[in-house]
């Protein structure tokens, strides 16, 4: 899985850090969010199709969890719309 660039992306996270892959993101200051798009490998897609599951990890440094959302629909993430 890797972050891919998308039209609305406004920032690059870890762009010049050799130990990390660059993450393309859209900073939404109105909402206080950062939106990222990931492209999955064929192996990852097959595993998701097989199990119907996806795993998520968020480093919290022992602080409270923040709300999160995962969706295959761009409009739900980038534009905040729940409609097609």
PDB file of N, CA and C in Angstrom:
ATOM      1  N   UNK A   1       0.858  -1.164   0.000  1.00  0.00           N
ATOM      2  CA  UNK A   1       0.000   0.000   0.000  1.00  0.00           C
ATOM      3  C   UNK A   1       0.903   1.225   0.000  1.00  0.00           C
ATOM      4  N   UNK A   2       0.556   2.190  -0.827  1.00  0.00           N
ATOM      5  CA  UNK A   2       1.345   3.420  -0.846  1.00  0.00           C
ATOM      6  C   UNK A   2       0.436   4.609  -1.063  1.00  0.00           C
ATOM      7  N   UNK A   3       0.873   5.739  -0.552  1.00  0.00           N
ATOM      8  CA  UNK A   3       0.154   6.985  -0.747  1.00  0.00           C
ATOM      9  C   UNK A   3       0.324   7.412  -2.193  1.00  0.00           C
ATOM     10  N   UNK A   4      -0.773   7.869  -2.806  1.00  0.00           N
ATOM     11  CA  UNK A   4      -0.683   8.363  -4.175  1.00  0.00           C
ATOM     12  C   UNK A   4      -1.084   9.835  -4.215  1.00  0.00           C
ATOM     13  N   UNK A   5      -0.508  10.551  -5.159  1.00  0.00           N
ATOM     14  CA  UNK A   5      -0.837  11.957  -5.340  1.00  0.00           C
ATOM     15  C   UNK A   5      -2.237  12.062  -5.940  1.00  0.00           C
ATOM     16  N   UNK A   6      -2.980  13.074  -5.549  1.00  0.00           N
ATOM     17  CA  UNK A   6      -4.312  13.303  -6.099  1.00  0.00           C
ATOM     18  C   UNK A   6      -4.524  14.801  -6.265  1.00  0.00           C
ATOM     19  N   UNK A   7      -5.468  15.158  -7.097  1.00  0.00           N
ATOM     20  CA  UNK A   7      -5.670  16.553  -7.511  1.00  0.00           C
ATOM     21  C   UNK A   7      -5.780  17.529  -6.338  1.00  0.00           C
ATOM     22  N   UNK A   8      -6.466  17.128  -5.281  1.00  0.00           N
ATOM     23  CA  UNK A   8      -6.712  18.031  -4.158  1.00  0.00           C
ATOM     24  C   UNK A   8      -5.575  18.065  -3.133  1.00  0.00           C
ATOM     25  N   UNK A   9      -4.544  17.258  -3.311  1.00  0.00           N
ATOM     26  CA  UNK A   9      -3.433  17.210  -2.355  1.00  0.00           C
ATOM     27  C   UNK A   9      -2.753  18.571  -2.271  1.00  0.00           C
ATOM     28  N   UNK A  10      -2.496  19.021  -1.056  1.00  0.00           N
ATOM     29  CA  UNK A  10      -1.895  20.333  -0.838  1.00  0.00           C
ATOM     30  C   UNK A  10      -0.561  20.263  -0.101  1.00  0.00           C
ATOM     31  N   UNK A  11      -0.233  19.115   0.481  1.00  0.00           N
ATOM     32  CA  UNK A  11       1.017  18.973   1.217  1.00  0.00           C
ATOM     33  C   UNK A  11       1.645  17.608   0.947  1.00  0.00           C
ATOM     34  N   UNK A  12       2.955  17.542   1.198  1.00  0.00           N
ATOM     35  CA  UNK A  12       3.696  16.281   1.115  1.00  0.00           C
ATOM     36  C   UNK A  12       4.329  16.051   2.480  1.00  0.00           C
ATOM     37  N   UNK A  13       3.983  14.927   3.101  1.00  0.00           N
ATOM     38  CA  UNK A  13       4.496  14.593   4.422  1.00  0.00           C
ATOM     39  C   UNK A  13       5.708  13.675   4.258  1.00  0.00           C
ATOM     40  N   UNK A  14       6.761  13.941   4.998  1.00  0.00           N
ATOM     41  CA  UNK A  14       7.996  13.143   4.982  1.00  0.00           C
ATOM     42  C   UNK A  14       8.653  13.105   3.604  1.00  0.00           C
ATOM     43  N   UNK A  15       8.509  14.181   2.853  1.00  0.00           N
ATOM     44  CA  UNK A  15       9.018  14.216   1.476  1.00  0.00           C
ATOM     45  C   UNK A  15      10.522  13.977   1.386  1.00  0.00           C
ATOM     46  N   UNK A  16      11.287  14.511   2.294  1.00  0.00           N
ATOM     47  CA  UNK A  16      12.743  14.395   2.208  1.00  0.00           C
ATOM     48  C   UNK A  16      13.312  13.528   3.330  1.00  0.00           C
ATOM     49  N   UNK A  17      12.537  12.558   3.782  1.00  0.00           N
ATOM     50  CA  UNK A  17      12.992  11.650   4.837  1.00  0.00           C
ATOM     51  C   UNK A  17      13.180  10.268   4.229  1.00  0.00           C
ATOM     52  N   UNK A  18      14.427   9.890   4.012  1.00  0.00           N
ATOM     53  CA  UNK A  18      14.749   8.659   3.298  1.00  0.00           C
ATOM     54  C   UNK A  18      14.134   7.413   3.924  1.00  0.00           C
ATOM     55  N   UNK A  19      13.951   7.406   5.245  1.00  0.00           N
ATOM     56  CA  UNK A  19      13.426   6.214   5.905  1.00  0.00           C
ATOM     57  C   UNK A  19      11.906   6.064   5.743  1.00  0.00           C
ATOM     58  N   UNK A  20      11.250   7.071   5.173  1.00  0.00           N
ATOM     59  CA  UNK A  20       9.799   7.046   4.978  1.00  0.00           C
ATOM     60  C   UNK A  20       9.447   7.279   3.517  1.00  0.00           C
ATOM     61  N   UNK A  21       8.282   6.812   3.124  1.00  0.00           N
ATOM     62  CA  UNK A  21       7.732   7.141   1.813  1.00  0.00           C
ATOM     63  C   UNK A  21       7.001   8.477   1.916  1.00  0.00           C
ATOM     64  N   UNK A  22       7.053   9.263   0.872  1.00  0.00           N
ATOM     65  CA  UNK A  22       6.299  10.518   0.852  1.00  0.00           C
ATOM     66  C   UNK A  22       4.808  10.221   0.904  1.00  0.00           C
ATOM     67  N   UNK A  23       4.103  10.972   1.737  1.00  0.00           N
ATOM     68  CA  UNK A  23       2.651  10.840   1.840  1.00  0.00           C
ATOM     69  C   UNK A  23       2.031  12.122   1.293  1.00  0.00           C
ATOM     70  N   UNK A  24       1.221  11.971   0.253  1.00  0.00           N
ATOM     71  CA  UNK A  24       0.521  13.106  -0.347  1.00  0.00           C
ATOM     72  C   UNK A  24      -0.794  13.297   0.413  1.00  0.00           C
ATOM     73  N   UNK A  25      -1.085  14.528   0.786  1.00  0.00           N
ATOM     74  CA  UNK A  25      -2.261  14.766   1.620  1.00  0.00           C
ATOM     75  C   UNK A  25      -2.933  16.092   1.289  1.00  0.00           C
ATOM     76  N   UNK A  26      -4.193  16.158   1.644  1.00  0.00           N
ATOM     77  CA  UNK A  26      -4.959  17.394   1.551  1.00  0.00           C
ATOM     78  C   UNK A  26      -5.216  17.854   2.976  1.00  0.00           C
ATOM     79  N   UNK A  27      -4.734  19.035   3.317  1.00  0.00           N
ATOM     80  CA  UNK A  27      -5.020  19.601   4.634  1.00  0.00           C
ATOM     81  C   UNK A  27      -6.320  20.387   4.528  1.00  0.00           C
ATOM     82  N   UNK A  28      -7.290  20.009   5.330  1.00  0.00           N
ATOM     83  CA  UNK A  28      -8.578  20.680   5.363  1.00  0.00           C
ATOM     84  C   UNK A  28      -8.649  21.447   6.679  1.00  0.00           C
ATOM     85  N   UNK A  29      -8.263  22.715   6.644  1.00  0.00           N
ATOM     86  CA  UNK A  29      -8.204  23.510   7.863  1.00  0.00           C
ATOM     87  C   UNK A  29      -9.590  23.789   8.440  1.00  0.00           C
ATOM     88  N   UNK A  30     -10.595  23.915   7.600  1.00  0.00           N
ATOM     89  CA  UNK A  30     -11.962  24.153   8.074  1.00  0.00           C
ATOM     90  C   UNK A  30     -12.434  23.010   8.963  1.00  0.00           C
ATOM     91  N   UNK A  31     -12.124  21.793   8.536  1.00  0.00           N
ATOM     92  CA  UNK A  31     -12.563  20.597   9.255  1.00  0.00           C
ATOM     93  C   UNK A  31     -11.542  20.137  10.297  1.00  0.00           C
ATOM     94  N   UNK A  32     -10.305  20.616  10.180  1.00  0.00           N
ATOM     95  CA  UNK A  32      -9.239  20.166  11.065  1.00  0.00           C
ATOM     96  C   UNK A  32      -8.819  18.745  10.750  1.00  0.00           C
ATOM     97  N   UNK A  33      -8.727  18.421   9.452  1.00  0.00           N
ATOM     98  CA  UNK A  33      -8.401  17.048   9.055  1.00  0.00           C
ATOM     99  C   UNK A  33      -7.288  17.035   8.020  1.00  0.00           C
ATOM    100  N   UNK A  34      -6.728  15.853   7.830  1.00  0.00           N
ATOM    101  CA  UNK A  34      -5.767  15.598   6.772  1.00  0.00           C
ATOM    102  C   UNK A  34      -6.276  14.386   6.015  1.00  0.00           C
ATOM    103  N   UNK A  35      -6.424  14.515   4.700  1.00  0.00           N
ATOM    104  CA  UNK A  35      -6.974  13.443   3.869  1.00  0.00           C
ATOM    105  C   UNK A  35      -5.874  12.857   2.997  1.00  0.00           C
ATOM    106  N   UNK A  36      -5.805  11.529   2.957  1.00  0.00           N
ATOM    107  CA  UNK A  36      -4.759  10.812   2.236  1.00  0.00           C
ATOM    108  C   UNK A  36      -5.410   9.719   1.412  1.00  0.00           C
ATOM    109  N   UNK A  37      -4.881   9.471   0.217  1.00  0.00           N
ATOM    110  CA  UNK A  37      -5.362   8.381  -0.636  1.00  0.00           C
ATOM    111  C   UNK A  37      -4.269   7.330  -0.757  1.00  0.00           C
ATOM    112  N   UNK A  38      -4.637   6.068  -0.596  1.00  0.00           N
ATOM    113  CA  UNK A  38      -3.691   4.964  -0.719  1.00  0.00           C
ATOM    114  C   UNK A  38      -4.075   4.067  -1.882  1.00  0.00           C
ATOM    115  N   UNK A  39      -3.065   3.579  -2.570  1.00  0.00           N
ATOM    116  CA  UNK A  39      -3.257   2.609  -3.644  1.00  0.00           C
ATOM    117  C   UNK A  39      -2.807   1.252  -3.114  1.00  0.00           C
ATOM    118  N   UNK A  40      -3.666   0.247  -3.278  1.00  0.00           N
ATOM    119  CA  UNK A  40      -3.364  -1.087  -2.781  1.00  0.00           C
ATOM    120  C   UNK A  40      -2.747  -1.955  -3.863  1.00  0.00           C
ATOM    121  N   UNK A  41      -1.910  -2.894  -3.437  1.00  0.00           N
ATOM    122  CA  UNK A  41      -1.320  -3.848  -4.370  1.00  0.00           C
ATOM    123  C   UNK A  41      -2.356  -4.929  -4.691  1.00  0.00           C
ATOM    124  N   UNK A  42      -2.106  -5.694  -5.723  1.00  0.00           N
ATOM    125  CA  UNK A  42      -3.008  -6.802  -6.055  1.00  0.00           C
ATOM    126  C   UNK A  42      -3.103  -7.799  -4.901  1.00  0.00           C
ATOM    127  N   UNK A  43      -1.992  -8.068  -4.244  1.00  0.00           N
ATOM    128  CA  UNK A  43      -1.996  -8.980  -3.094  1.00  0.00           C
ATOM    129  C   UNK A  43      -2.899  -8.451  -1.976  1.00  0.00           C
ATOM    130  N   UNK A  44      -2.812  -7.148  -1.705  1.00  0.00           N
ATOM    131  CA  UNK A  44      -3.659  -6.541  -0.669  1.00  0.00           C
ATOM    132  C   UNK A  44      -5.127  -6.609  -1.067  1.00  0.00           C
ATOM    133  N   UNK A  45      -5.428  -6.319  -2.325  1.00  0.00           N
ATOM    134  CA  UNK A  45      -6.816  -6.390  -2.794  1.00  0.00           C
ATOM    135  C   UNK A  45      -7.368  -7.807  -2.676  1.00  0.00           C
ATOM    136  N   UNK A  46      -6.556  -8.794  -3.022  1.00  0.00           N
ATOM    137  CA  UNK A  46      -6.990 -10.191  -2.914  1.00  0.00           C
ATOM    138  C   UNK A  46      -7.279 -10.559  -1.460  1.00  0.00           C
ATOM    139  N   UNK A  47      -6.425 -10.119  -0.553  1.00  0.00           N
ATOM    140  CA  UNK A  47      -6.616 -10.435   0.872  1.00  0.00           C
ATOM    141  C   UNK A  47      -7.884  -9.780   1.406  1.00  0.00           C
ATOM    142  N   UNK A  48      -8.129  -8.551   1.026  1.00  0.00           N
ATOM    143  CA  UNK A  48      -9.355  -7.861   1.463  1.00  0.00           C
ATOM    144  C   UNK A  48     -10.579  -8.563   0.899  1.00  0.00           C
ATOM    145  N   UNK A  49     -10.505  -8.960  -0.360  1.00  0.00           N
ATOM    146  CA  UNK A  49     -11.635  -9.675  -0.963  1.00  0.00           C
ATOM    147  C   UNK A  49     -11.859 -11.013  -0.260  1.00  0.00           C
ATOM    148  N   UNK A  50     -10.788 -11.678   0.099  1.00  0.00           N
ATOM    149  CA  UNK A  50     -10.871 -12.982   0.765  1.00  0.00           C
ATOM    150  C   UNK A  50     -11.445 -12.874   2.177  1.00  0.00           C
ATOM    151  N   UNK A  51     -10.990 -11.877   2.948  1.00  0.00           N
ATOM    152  CA  UNK A  51     -11.367 -11.785   4.364  1.00  0.00           C
ATOM    153  C   UNK A  51     -12.440 -10.738   4.650  1.00  0.00           C
ATOM    154  N   UNK A  52     -12.559  -9.743   3.758  1.00  0.00           N
ATOM    155  CA  UNK A  52     -13.486  -8.642   4.015  1.00  0.00           C
ATOM    156  C   UNK A  52     -12.996  -7.715   5.117  1.00  0.00           C
ATOM    157  N   UNK A  53     -11.708  -7.787   5.440  1.00  0.00           N
ATOM    158  CA  UNK A  53     -11.170  -7.005   6.553  1.00  0.00           C
ATOM    159  C   UNK A  53     -10.024  -6.111   6.106  1.00  0.00           C
ATOM    160  N   UNK A  54      -9.874  -5.000   6.831  1.00  0.00           N
ATOM    161  CA  UNK A  54      -8.718  -4.131   6.678  1.00  0.00           C
ATOM    162  C   UNK A  54      -8.296  -3.734   8.085  1.00  0.00           C
ATOM    163  N   UNK A  55      -7.008  -3.692   8.311  1.00  0.00           N
ATOM    164  CA  UNK A  55      -6.472  -3.340   9.627  1.00  0.00           C
ATOM    165  C   UNK A  55      -5.997  -1.897   9.609  1.00  0.00           C
ATOM    166  N   UNK A  56      -6.089  -1.235  10.758  1.00  0.00           N
ATOM    167  CA  UNK A  56      -5.728   0.176  10.873  1.00  0.00           C
ATOM    168  C   UNK A  56      -4.931   0.357  12.157  1.00  0.00           C
ATOM    169  N   UNK A  57      -3.860   1.109  12.093  1.00  0.00           N
ATOM    170  CA  UNK A  57      -3.068   1.412  13.289  1.00  0.00           C
ATOM    171  C   UNK A  57      -2.866   2.905  13.366  1.00  0.00           C
ATOM    172  N   UNK A  58      -3.093   3.466  14.561  1.00  0.00           N
ATOM    173  CA  UNK A  58      -2.865   4.887  14.787  1.00  0.00           C
ATOM    174  C   UNK A  58      -2.001   5.020  16.032  1.00  0.00           C
ATOM    175  N   UNK A  59      -0.884   5.689  15.907  1.00  0.00           N
ATOM    176  CA  UNK A  59      -0.027   5.944  17.059  1.00  0.00           C
ATOM    177  C   UNK A  59      -0.661   7.077  17.862  1.00  0.00           C
ATOM    178  N   UNK A  60      -0.909   6.852  19.134  1.00  0.00           N
ATOM    179  CA  UNK A  60      -1.573   7.852  19.971  1.00  0.00           C
ATOM    180  C   UNK A  60      -0.673   8.436  21.049  1.00  0.00           C
ATOM    181  N   UNK A  61       0.503   7.846  21.234  1.00  0.00           N
ATOM    182  CA  UNK A  61       1.409   8.271  22.306  1.00  0.00           C
ATOM    183  C   UNK A  61       0.667   8.305  23.643  1.00  0.00           C
ATOM    184  N   UNK A  62      -0.216   7.320  23.823  1.00  0.00           N
ATOM    185  CA  UNK A  62      -1.024   7.146  25.041  1.00  0.00           C
ATOM    186  C   UNK A  62      -1.974   8.304  25.317  1.00  0.00           C
ATOM    187  N   UNK A  63      -2.334   9.048  24.269  1.00  0.00           N
ATOM    188  CA  UNK A  63      -3.350  10.085  24.388  1.00  0.00           C
ATOM    189  C   UNK A  63      -4.656   9.543  23.813  1.00  0.00           C
ATOM    190  N   UNK A  64      -5.702  10.334  23.873  1.00  0.00           N
ATOM    191  CA  UNK A  64      -7.001   9.915  23.361  1.00  0.00           C
ATOM    192  C   UNK A  64      -6.959   9.671  21.855  1.00  0.00           C
ATOM    193  N   UNK A  65      -7.772   8.728  21.426  1.00  0.00           N
ATOM    194  CA  UNK A  65      -7.959   8.492  19.988  1.00  0.00           C
ATOM    195  C   UNK A  65      -8.720   9.671  19.392  1.00  0.00           C
ATOM    196  N   UNK A  66      -8.435   9.971  18.167  1.00  0.00           N
ATOM    197  CA  UNK A  66      -9.165  10.995  17.420  1.00  0.00           C
ATOM    198  C   UNK A  66     -10.121  10.296  16.470  1.00  0.00           C
ATOM    199  N   UNK A  67     -11.201  10.956  16.103  1.00  0.00           N
ATOM    200  CA  UNK A  67     -12.112  10.342  15.122  1.00  0.00           C
ATOM    201  C   UNK A  67     -11.371  10.050  13.825  1.00  0.00           C
ATOM    202  N   UNK A  68     -11.740   8.965  13.180  1.00  0.00           N
ATOM    203  CA  UNK A  68     -11.126   8.590  11.909  1.00  0.00           C
ATOM    204  C   UNK A  68     -12.188   8.028  10.996  1.00  0.00           C
ATOM    205  N   UNK A  69     -11.865   8.026   9.718  1.00  0.00           N
ATOM    206  CA  UNK A  69     -12.797   7.490   8.725  1.00  0.00           C
ATOM    207  C   UNK A  69     -11.985   6.832   7.624  1.00  0.00           C
ATOM    208  N   UNK A  70     -12.418   5.654   7.207  1.00  0.00           N
ATOM    209  CA  UNK A  70     -11.823   4.953   6.077  1.00  0.00           C
ATOM    210  C   UNK A  70     -12.952   4.704   5.088  1.00  0.00           C
ATOM    211  N   UNK A  71     -12.723   5.008   3.825  1.00  0.00           N
ATOM    212  CA  UNK A  71     -13.766   4.836   2.820  1.00  0.00           C
ATOM    213  C   UNK A  71     -13.153   4.606   1.449  1.00  0.00           C
ATOM    214  N   UNK A  72     -13.795   3.813   0.609  1.00  0.00           N
ATOM    215  CA  UNK A  72     -13.337   3.693  -0.773  1.00  0.00           C
ATOM    216  C   UNK A  72     -13.877   4.823  -1.657  1.00  0.00           C
ATOM    217  N   UNK A  73     -14.720   5.686  -1.086  1.00  0.00           N
ATOM    218  CA  UNK A  73     -15.374   6.742  -1.856  1.00  0.00           C
ATOM    219  C   UNK A  73     -14.705   8.098  -1.604  1.00  0.00           C
ATOM    220  N   UNK A  74     -14.065   8.638  -2.627  1.00  0.00           N
ATOM    221  CA  UNK A  74     -13.344   9.904  -2.515  1.00  0.00           C
ATOM    222  C   UNK A  74     -14.235  11.024  -1.993  1.00  0.00           C
ATOM    223  N   UNK A  75     -15.459  11.120  -2.501  1.00  0.00           N
ATOM    224  CA  UNK A  75     -16.329  12.241  -2.110  1.00  0.00           C
ATOM    225  C   UNK A  75     -16.624  12.238  -0.612  1.00  0.00           C
ATOM    226  N   UNK A  76     -16.629  11.078   0.031  1.00  0.00           N
ATOM    227  CA  UNK A  76     -16.875  11.029   1.471  1.00  0.00           C
ATOM    228  C   UNK A  76     -15.708  11.599   2.271  1.00  0.00           C
ATOM    229  N   UNK A  77     -14.509  11.451   1.746  1.00  0.00           N
ATOM    230  CA  UNK A  77     -13.309  11.896   2.454  1.00  0.00           C
ATOM    231  C   UNK A  77     -12.921  13.320   2.063  1.00  0.00           C
ATOM    232  N   UNK A  78     -12.743  13.563   0.790  1.00  0.00           N
ATOM    233  CA  UNK A  78     -12.239  14.859   0.318  1.00  0.00           C
ATOM    234  C   UNK A  78     -13.287  15.955   0.417  1.00  0.00           C
ATOM    235  N   UNK A  79     -14.520  15.632   0.119  1.00  0.00           N
ATOM    236  CA  UNK A  79     -15.568  16.664   0.092  1.00  0.00           C
ATOM    237  C   UNK A  79     -16.533  16.564   1.261  1.00  0.00           C
ATOM    238  N   UNK A  80     -16.408  15.516   2.089  1.00  0.00           N
ATOM    239  CA  UNK A  80     -17.250  15.375   3.265  1.00  0.00           C
ATOM    240  C   UNK A  80     -18.691  15.043   2.961  1.00  0.00           C
ATOM    241  N   UNK A  81     -18.951  14.497   1.773  1.00  0.00           N
ATOM    242  CA  UNK A  81     -20.309  14.180   1.365  1.00  0.00           C
ATOM    243  C   UNK A  81     -20.600  12.706   1.570  1.00  0.00           C
ATOM    244  N   UNK A  82     -21.783  12.391   2.025  1.00  0.00           N
ATOM    245  CA  UNK A  82     -22.202  11.006   2.184  1.00  0.00           C
ATOM    246  C   UNK A  82     -23.071  10.536   1.022  1.00  0.00           C
ATOM    247  N   UNK A  83     -23.141  11.349  -0.001  1.00  0.00           N
ATOM    248  CA  UNK A  83     -23.965  10.979  -1.166  1.00  0.00           C
ATOM    249  C   UNK A  83     -23.067  10.709  -2.352  1.00  0.00           C
ATOM    250  N   UNK A  84     -23.557   9.966  -3.324  1.00  0.00           N
ATOM    251  CA  UNK A  84     -22.746   9.656  -4.522  1.00  0.00           C
ATOM    252  C   UNK A  84     -22.720  10.810  -5.467  1.00  0.00           C
TER     253      UNK A  84
END
